[in-house]
Amino acid sequence: MIFEGLRVAVTGAGRDTGRLLAADFAARGAHVYLSARDVGAAATTADLVNRDGPGRAEAFPCDLSDPDAVRGFAAALAERTGHLDVLVNNAAAYAQGPGLEDAPDDAIVSMISGAATGTTLLTKHLLPLLRASARPDIVNLISGCGETGHHRSTAHPAFYAAKHAQAGLAGILSHRLRPEGIRVISLYPPDFVQDGPRTAGAMLTARSVADCVLFAVGQPRDCFIREFRFEQEQSAPGPATG
């Protein structure tokens, strides 16, 4: 199994793309530490992973918009393992609407503080575990909303702001951590659907996004895939990320 024995952390793993990624890594032999704001949802994912195997999963609560929760998640991982091979920054709060007034203040705070501050803090506090790995990767599920000039999503402007912040973090970390052998891999998918036909002209699916993550992490260490950029065929009716 290609990822047998790897230690992998996946945020936002209580549903959709995060759950898919956690299951994919475990199906290839990894031990997955998965988090979600709703620990019950994270536990459901862990139960599904542990039922199907062969890898195992543990569930943790983590609200990325709460610095104490972020530090608590990082500390819990440090108690359970001496190293972390892969950190998947997947979690992100989301809202739709073209106008700033289309989301309440607390939703705007959650979107920006979670994807920007929360991702920054979690990566910071997990760096010691990543540095202890022989093959460390940081994977960021950013969104096409983080690309300069992108305007085709129905996401709220605050989601765009949050994803541009996340993209800036990923870009500088890729440059500064590369000499240490830490690969920073970022994906910029357009609005996509969880399920659908994988054919030309159809909406991008979560399965295809997850396959890109598995491909990049599975490459030998001389291969640094910094970014995945996607052509957008259609606009999705729902969230830009899952």
Protein backbone atom coordinates (compact mmCIF):
# COMPACT_ATOMS: atom_id res chain seq x y z
CA MET A 1 0.00 0.00 0.00
CA ILE A 2 1.47 3.29 -1.15
CA PHE A 3 0.78 5.24 2.08
CA GLU A 4 1.16 2.42 4.58
CA GLY A 5 2.18 3.75 7.98
CA LEU A 6 1.93 7.42 7.02
CA ARG A 7 0.58 9.83 9.63
CA VAL A 8 -1.93 12.18 7.99
CA ALA A 9 -4.02 15.03 9.44
CA VAL A 10 -7.11 16.19 7.53
CA THR A 11 -9.16 19.20 8.64
CA GLY A 12 -12.81 19.62 7.76
CA ALA A 13 -13.15 15.83 7.56
CA GLY A 14 -16.68 15.59 8.93
CA ARG A 15 -18.28 15.47 5.49
CA ASP A 16 -17.86 15.73 1.73
CA THR A 17 -14.34 16.24 0.36
CA GLY A 18 -12.64 16.02 3.74
CA ARG A 19 -14.34 12.72 4.48
CA LEU A 20 -13.38 11.45 1.03
CA LEU A 21 -9.73 12.39 1.53
CA ALA A 22 -9.58 10.77 4.97
CA ALA A 23 -11.04 7.55 3.58
CA ASP A 24 -8.69 7.61 0.59
CA PHE A 25 -5.56 7.93 2.71
CA ALA A 26 -6.74 5.22 5.11
CA ALA A 27 -7.64 2.90 2.22
CA ARG A 28 -3.97 3.11 1.24
CA GLY A 29 -2.72 2.26 4.72
CA ALA A 30 -2.34 5.65 6.41
CA HIS A 31 -3.23 6.49 10.00
CA VAL A 32 -5.49 9.53 9.78
CA TYR A 33 -6.08 12.21 12.40
CA LEU A 34 -9.24 13.96 11.29
CA SER A 35 -10.92 17.05 12.64
CA ALA A 36 -14.14 18.98 12.23
CA ARG A 37 -16.01 21.73 14.04
CA ASP A 38 -18.65 19.10 14.82
CA VAL A 39 -16.79 16.32 16.60
CA GLY A 40 -19.78 14.04 16.04
CA ALA A 41 -19.36 14.40 12.29
CA ALA A 42 -15.63 13.72 12.65
CA ALA A 43 -16.40 10.62 14.71
CA THR A 44 -18.77 9.39 12.00
CA THR A 45 -15.97 9.70 9.45
CA ALA A 46 -13.57 7.87 11.77
CA ASP A 47 -16.09 5.07 12.23
CA LEU A 48 -16.46 4.68 8.46
CA VAL A 49 -12.69 4.63 8.00
CA ASN A 50 -12.11 2.14 10.79
CA ARG A 51 -14.87 -0.10 9.45
CA ASP A 52 -13.38 -0.26 5.98
CA GLY A 53 -9.62 -0.08 6.80
CA PRO A 54 -6.92 -1.04 6.35
CA GLY A 55 -5.67 2.25 7.83
CA ARG A 56 -7.07 3.68 11.04
CA ALA A 57 -8.55 7.03 12.02
CA GLU A 58 -8.97 9.16 15.13
CA ALA A 59 -11.44 12.04 15.42
CA PHE A 60 -10.87 15.42 17.05
CA PRO A 61 -12.86 18.64 17.42
CA CYS A 62 -11.28 21.71 15.84
CA ASP A 63 -12.92 25.00 14.93
CA LEU A 64 -10.29 26.82 12.91
CA SER A 65 -11.83 30.18 13.79
CA ASP A 66 -10.99 29.51 17.47
CA PRO A 67 -7.22 29.79 18.21
CA ASP A 68 -7.57 27.79 21.42
CA ALA A 69 -9.24 24.95 19.51
CA VAL A 70 -6.45 25.01 16.93
CA ARG A 71 -3.78 24.83 19.59
CA GLY A 72 -5.70 22.07 21.34
CA PHE A 73 -5.87 19.96 18.18
CA ALA A 74 -2.14 20.41 17.53
CA ALA A 75 -1.32 19.48 21.14
CA ALA A 76 -3.50 16.37 20.93
CA LEU A 77 -1.63 15.22 17.84
CA ALA A 78 1.72 15.82 19.55
CA GLU A 79 0.58 13.53 22.38
CA ARG A 80 -0.23 10.73 19.93
CA THR A 81 2.63 10.81 17.45
CA GLY A 82 6.21 11.98 17.20
CA HIS A 83 5.86 13.01 13.57
CA LEU A 84 3.31 14.00 10.95
CA ASP A 85 3.84 13.13 7.30
CA VAL A 86 0.95 15.00 5.65
CA LEU A 87 -1.18 17.94 6.74
CA VAL A 88 -4.24 18.51 4.56
CA ASN A 89 -5.69 21.99 5.12
CA ASN A 90 -9.17 21.31 3.78
CA ALA A 91 -11.56 23.00 6.22
CA ALA A 92 -13.22 26.29 5.23
CA ALA A 93 -16.44 28.03 6.18
CA TYR A 94 -18.47 29.11 3.17
CA ALA A 95 -21.27 31.50 2.23
CA GLN A 96 -22.87 32.49 -1.04
CA GLY A 97 -24.02 35.87 -2.33
CA PRO A 98 -22.54 38.58 -4.53
CA GLY A 99 -22.90 41.40 -2.02
CA LEU A 100 -21.11 42.05 1.25
CA GLU A 101 -24.53 42.43 2.87
CA ASP A 102 -25.44 38.86 1.85
CA ALA A 103 -23.70 37.36 4.90
CA PRO A 104 -23.96 38.36 8.56
CA ASP A 105 -20.93 39.67 10.39
CA ASP A 106 -20.32 36.47 12.33
CA ALA A 107 -20.26 34.42 9.12
CA ILE A 108 -17.72 36.82 7.61
CA VAL A 109 -15.53 36.57 10.70
CA SER A 110 -15.75 32.77 10.62
CA MET A 111 -14.80 32.56 6.93
CA ILE A 112 -11.78 34.81 7.15
CA SER A 113 -10.49 33.82 10.58
CA GLY A 114 -10.86 30.11 9.85
CA ALA A 115 -9.25 29.89 6.42
CA ALA A 116 -6.65 32.61 7.03
CA THR A 117 -5.75 32.78 10.72
CA GLY A 118 -6.77 29.23 11.57
CA THR A 119 -4.84 27.61 8.75
CA THR A 120 -1.80 29.73 9.58
CA LEU A 121 -1.89 28.81 13.27
CA LEU A 122 -2.47 25.11 12.67
CA THR A 123 0.38 24.90 10.20
CA LYS A 124 2.61 26.78 12.63
CA HIS A 125 1.84 24.50 15.56
CA LEU A 126 2.19 21.31 13.50
CA LEU A 127 5.51 22.29 11.91
CA PRO A 128 7.56 20.52 14.62
CA LEU A 129 5.79 17.25 13.82
CA LEU A 130 6.18 17.81 10.08
CA ARG A 131 9.88 18.57 10.50
CA ALA A 132 10.26 15.25 12.32
CA SER A 133 8.94 13.39 9.25
CA ALA A 134 11.18 11.87 6.58
CA ARG A 135 8.66 12.93 3.87
CA PRO A 136 6.60 15.93 4.99
CA ASP A 137 3.86 17.45 2.83
CA ILE A 138 1.46 20.33 3.45
CA VAL A 139 -1.58 20.20 1.15
CA ASN A 140 -3.89 23.21 0.84
CA LEU A 141 -7.36 22.92 -0.68
CA ILE A 142 -7.62 26.60 -1.58
CA SER A 143 -10.21 27.20 -4.35
CA GLY A 144 -10.25 29.09 -7.61
CA CYS A 145 -11.52 31.99 -5.49
CA GLY A 146 -7.91 32.43 -4.37
CA GLU A 147 -6.68 33.06 -7.91
CA THR A 148 -6.01 36.61 -9.07
CA GLY A 149 -8.79 37.80 -11.35
CA HIS A 150 -11.14 34.91 -10.62
CA HIS A 151 -14.79 36.00 -10.58
CA ARG A 152 -16.89 33.02 -11.69
CA SER A 153 -17.87 31.59 -8.29
CA THR A 154 -21.11 32.42 -6.49
CA ALA A 155 -19.15 32.60 -3.23
CA HIS A 156 -19.43 35.59 -0.91
CA PRO A 157 -16.68 38.25 -1.20
CA ALA A 158 -15.40 37.29 2.26
CA PHE A 159 -14.74 33.77 0.98
CA TYR A 160 -12.67 35.30 -1.80
CA ALA A 161 -10.77 37.35 0.79
CA ALA A 162 -10.14 34.29 2.95
CA LYS A 163 -8.89 32.21 0.04
CA HIS A 164 -6.55 34.95 -1.21
CA ALA A 165 -5.04 35.04 2.28
CA GLN A 166 -4.63 31.27 2.26
CA ALA A 167 -3.01 31.43 -1.18
CA GLY A 168 -0.53 34.03 0.03
CA LEU A 169 0.43 31.83 2.97
CA ALA A 170 0.87 28.78 0.74
CA GLY A 171 3.02 30.66 -1.73
CA ILE A 172 5.54 31.97 0.77
CA LEU A 173 5.66 28.72 2.72
CA SER A 174 6.41 26.79 -0.46
CA HIS A 175 9.44 29.00 -1.02
CA ARG A 176 10.67 29.08 2.58
CA LEU A 177 10.09 25.45 3.57
CA ARG A 178 11.36 23.85 0.38
CA PRO A 179 15.02 23.90 1.53
CA GLU A 180 13.94 21.73 4.47
CA GLY A 181 12.36 19.18 2.13
CA ILE A 182 8.80 20.15 3.13
CA ARG A 183 6.60 20.21 0.04
CA VAL A 184 3.73 22.71 0.02
CA ILE A 185 1.09 21.60 -2.48
CA SER A 186 -1.88 23.84 -3.27
CA LEU A 187 -5.03 23.12 -5.27
CA TYR A 188 -7.19 25.83 -6.84
CA PRO A 189 -10.34 24.02 -7.98
CA PRO A 190 -13.27 26.01 -9.33
CA ASP A 191 -16.75 25.41 -7.94
CA PHE A 192 -17.20 21.63 -7.99
CA VAL A 193 -19.73 18.96 -7.11
CA GLN A 194 -19.36 16.00 -4.78
CA ASP A 195 -20.66 13.46 -7.30
CA GLY A 196 -21.21 13.47 -11.03
CA PRO A 197 -19.97 12.14 -14.37
CA ARG A 198 -16.24 12.46 -14.92
CA THR A 199 -16.55 13.50 -18.53
CA ALA A 200 -15.44 16.46 -20.65
CA GLY A 201 -17.79 19.39 -20.19
CA ALA A 202 -19.18 18.10 -16.87
CA MET A 203 -18.65 19.73 -13.49
CA LEU A 204 -15.38 18.94 -11.75
CA THR A 205 -15.99 16.34 -9.04
CA ALA A 206 -14.60 15.90 -5.54
CA ARG A 207 -13.26 12.53 -6.68
CA SER A 208 -11.04 14.23 -9.27
CA VAL A 209 -9.83 16.79 -6.72
CA ALA A 210 -8.98 14.02 -4.23
CA ASP A 211 -7.15 12.08 -6.94
CA CYS A 212 -4.92 15.12 -7.54
CA VAL A 213 -4.04 15.21 -3.85
CA LEU A 214 -3.18 11.50 -3.78
CA PHE A 215 -1.11 11.84 -6.94
CA ALA A 216 0.95 14.75 -5.61
CA VAL A 217 1.59 13.23 -2.19
CA GLY A 218 2.56 9.94 -3.80
CA GLN A 219 5.33 11.42 -5.93
CA PRO A 220 9.00 10.73 -5.10
CA ARG A 221 10.76 13.42 -3.12
CA ASP A 222 12.57 14.96 -6.08
CA CYS A 223 9.18 16.04 -7.45
CA PHE A 224 7.73 19.24 -6.01
CA ILE A 225 4.27 19.87 -7.44
CA ARG A 226 3.55 23.34 -6.16
CA GLU A 227 0.08 23.98 -7.60
CA PHE A 228 -2.86 22.44 -9.41
CA ARG A 229 -4.82 24.92 -11.55
CA PHE A 230 -8.05 23.84 -13.21
CA GLU A 231 -10.05 24.97 -16.23
CA GLN A 232 -13.63 25.84 -15.26
CA GLU A 233 -16.22 24.46 -17.68
CA GLN A 234 -19.36 25.40 -15.77
CA SER A 235 -20.47 27.17 -12.62
CA ALA A 236 -21.62 24.98 -9.75
CA PRO A 237 -24.86 25.66 -7.91
CA GLY A 238 -23.33 25.19 -4.49
CA PRO A 239 -20.17 25.66 -2.40
CA ALA A 240 -16.82 26.08 -4.13
CA THR A 241 -15.22 23.50 -1.88
CA GLY A 242 -16.53 20.59 0.12
